[in-house]
Every structure is written in C-alpha cells, then in structure tokens.
Amino acid sequence: MKSRIPLSGFVLAALALASVSASVAQTLPELFGKVKAEVKSESWADALKTLDALEAEAAKPGNESAQKQLAGPLALYRGVCSANLGKSDEAVASFASFLKL
C-alpha cells in the first residue's frame, strides 16, 4: 500500500522551505559585515563570493544610494582578496577602480 502525503502536508512543507530560504537572504549591512570578517580572517575566496553577493544585492532596485556608498570599499576589499589569491591583474584593476572614486 502506497503512503500518500496529503496536499495540506505538501503545502506546509513548501511554506516551511520558503521561510527558511527567506531567512537565509542577508541584508546589505549583514553582507558587508560578513565580508569584513572574512577579510580579517584571511578567507580570501569566501570574501570574494560574499562580495559578489553583496554587489548583486546592492544592484537591486531601491539600493542605488547604497550601491554608490559601497563602490569604494568593495573595490578595495576585492583588490585585497584578489592580491592575496595571486590574481594580480584583477587586484590591479580593483585598486585602480578604488583610486578613481
């Protein structure tokens, strides 16, 4: 005999998953704090991934002013991470962007 999950159980499970994924999303300040902590702990590759997430979040509608404020620090942190990972061309480009701001 097959066991069937009632439709209401499926809906509850879907709602639970949706709430978990929503709670995983981080705000700009949380992501920025995470980048700073990863750079401080010399987790260069992780910091670059977080920088990508932070830039994507900052690029969303309504975050235009934050995007401008973050441009300098993000370029600097990206340069530091890239340099420490031996990605000298990327580091130079990031530092040049930082200096232009």
Protein backbone atom coordinates (compact mmCIF):
# COMPACT_ATOMS: atom_id res chain seq x y z
CA MET A 1 0.00 0.00 0.00
CA LYS A 2 1.44 3.35 -1.01
CA SER A 3 1.77 6.09 1.54
CA ARG A 4 0.44 9.40 0.31
CA ILE A 5 1.24 12.81 1.66
CA PRO A 6 -1.90 14.88 1.90
CA LEU A 7 -1.94 18.08 -0.14
CA SER A 8 -2.06 20.16 3.03
CA GLY A 9 1.16 18.48 4.21
CA PHE A 10 2.84 19.34 0.92
CA VAL A 11 1.72 22.96 1.19
CA LEU A 12 3.04 23.19 4.76
CA ALA A 13 6.39 21.72 3.69
CA ALA A 14 6.63 24.19 0.80
CA LEU A 15 5.86 27.09 3.12
CA ALA A 16 8.48 25.90 5.59
CA LEU A 17 11.12 25.72 2.84
CA ALA A 18 10.16 29.18 1.61
CA SER A 19 10.53 30.67 5.07
CA VAL A 20 13.94 29.03 5.53
CA SER A 21 15.20 30.37 2.20
CA ALA A 22 13.86 33.83 3.04
CA SER A 23 15.69 33.80 6.35
CA VAL A 24 18.95 32.89 4.56
CA ALA A 25 18.83 36.08 2.49
CA GLN A 26 21.04 38.70 4.07
CA THR A 27 20.76 42.46 4.20
CA LEU A 28 23.42 44.80 2.84
CA PRO A 29 24.81 45.55 6.34
CA GLU A 30 24.93 41.83 7.17
CA LEU A 31 26.74 41.02 3.95
CA PHE A 32 29.17 43.90 4.44
CA GLY A 33 29.91 42.72 7.97
CA LYS A 34 30.46 39.21 6.64
CA VAL A 35 32.96 40.50 4.04
CA LYS A 36 34.86 42.42 6.70
CA ALA A 37 35.02 39.34 8.94
CA GLU A 38 36.16 37.11 6.08
CA VAL A 39 38.90 39.56 5.08
CA LYS A 40 40.01 39.87 8.70
CA SER A 41 40.23 36.07 8.97
CA GLU A 42 42.04 35.94 5.61
CA SER A 43 39.29 33.87 3.97
CA TRP A 44 40.00 35.46 0.62
CA ALA A 45 37.96 33.15 -1.65
CA ASP A 46 34.95 33.26 0.67
CA ALA A 47 35.19 37.03 0.85
CA LEU A 48 35.15 37.27 -2.96
CA LYS A 49 31.97 35.16 -3.05
CA THR A 50 30.39 37.38 -0.42
CA LEU A 51 31.47 40.47 -2.36
CA ASP A 52 29.67 39.06 -5.41
CA ALA A 53 26.51 38.52 -3.32
CA LEU A 54 26.82 41.99 -1.82
CA GLU A 55 27.20 43.62 -5.22
CA ALA A 56 24.20 41.67 -6.54
CA GLU A 57 22.09 42.76 -3.58
CA ALA A 58 23.23 46.38 -3.91
CA ALA A 59 22.30 46.32 -7.61
CA LYS A 60 18.64 45.60 -6.80
CA PRO A 61 16.13 48.41 -7.28
CA GLY A 62 15.93 50.75 -4.32
CA ASN A 63 19.57 50.28 -3.32
CA GLU A 64 21.07 52.92 -5.62
CA SER A 65 22.39 55.13 -2.84
CA ALA A 66 23.89 52.15 -1.01
CA GLN A 67 25.50 50.98 -4.23
CA LYS A 68 27.29 54.33 -4.56
CA GLN A 69 28.41 54.24 -0.92
CA LEU A 70 29.72 50.69 -1.28
CA ALA A 71 31.67 51.23 -4.51
CA GLY A 72 34.92 52.31 -2.84
CA PRO A 73 35.06 49.76 -0.01
CA LEU A 74 34.04 46.92 -2.34
CA ALA A 75 36.74 47.80 -4.86
CA LEU A 76 39.32 47.94 -2.07
CA TYR A 77 38.25 44.63 -0.50
CA ARG A 78 38.10 42.96 -3.92
CA GLY A 79 41.64 44.18 -4.62
CA VAL A 80 42.92 42.89 -1.28
CA CYS A 81 41.32 39.49 -1.79
CA SER A 82 42.48 39.17 -5.38
CA ALA A 83 46.04 40.16 -4.46
CA ASN A 84 46.17 37.60 -1.68
CA LEU A 85 44.91 34.90 -4.03
CA GLY A 86 47.64 35.73 -6.55
CA LYS A 87 45.21 37.26 -9.05
CA SER A 88 47.39 40.28 -9.74
CA ASP A 89 45.58 41.53 -12.87
CA GLU A 90 42.23 41.54 -11.02
CA ALA A 91 43.84 43.16 -7.99
CA VAL A 92 45.37 45.95 -10.07
CA ALA A 93 42.03 46.60 -11.80
CA SER A 94 40.21 46.71 -8.44
CA PHE A 95 42.76 49.04 -6.85
CA ALA A 96 42.62 51.29 -9.94
CA SER A 97 38.84 51.46 -9.61
CA PHE A 98 39.20 52.29 -5.94
CA LEU A 99 41.64 55.12 -6.68
CA LYS A 100 39.34 56.61 -9.33
CA LEU A 101 36.49 57.00 -6.82
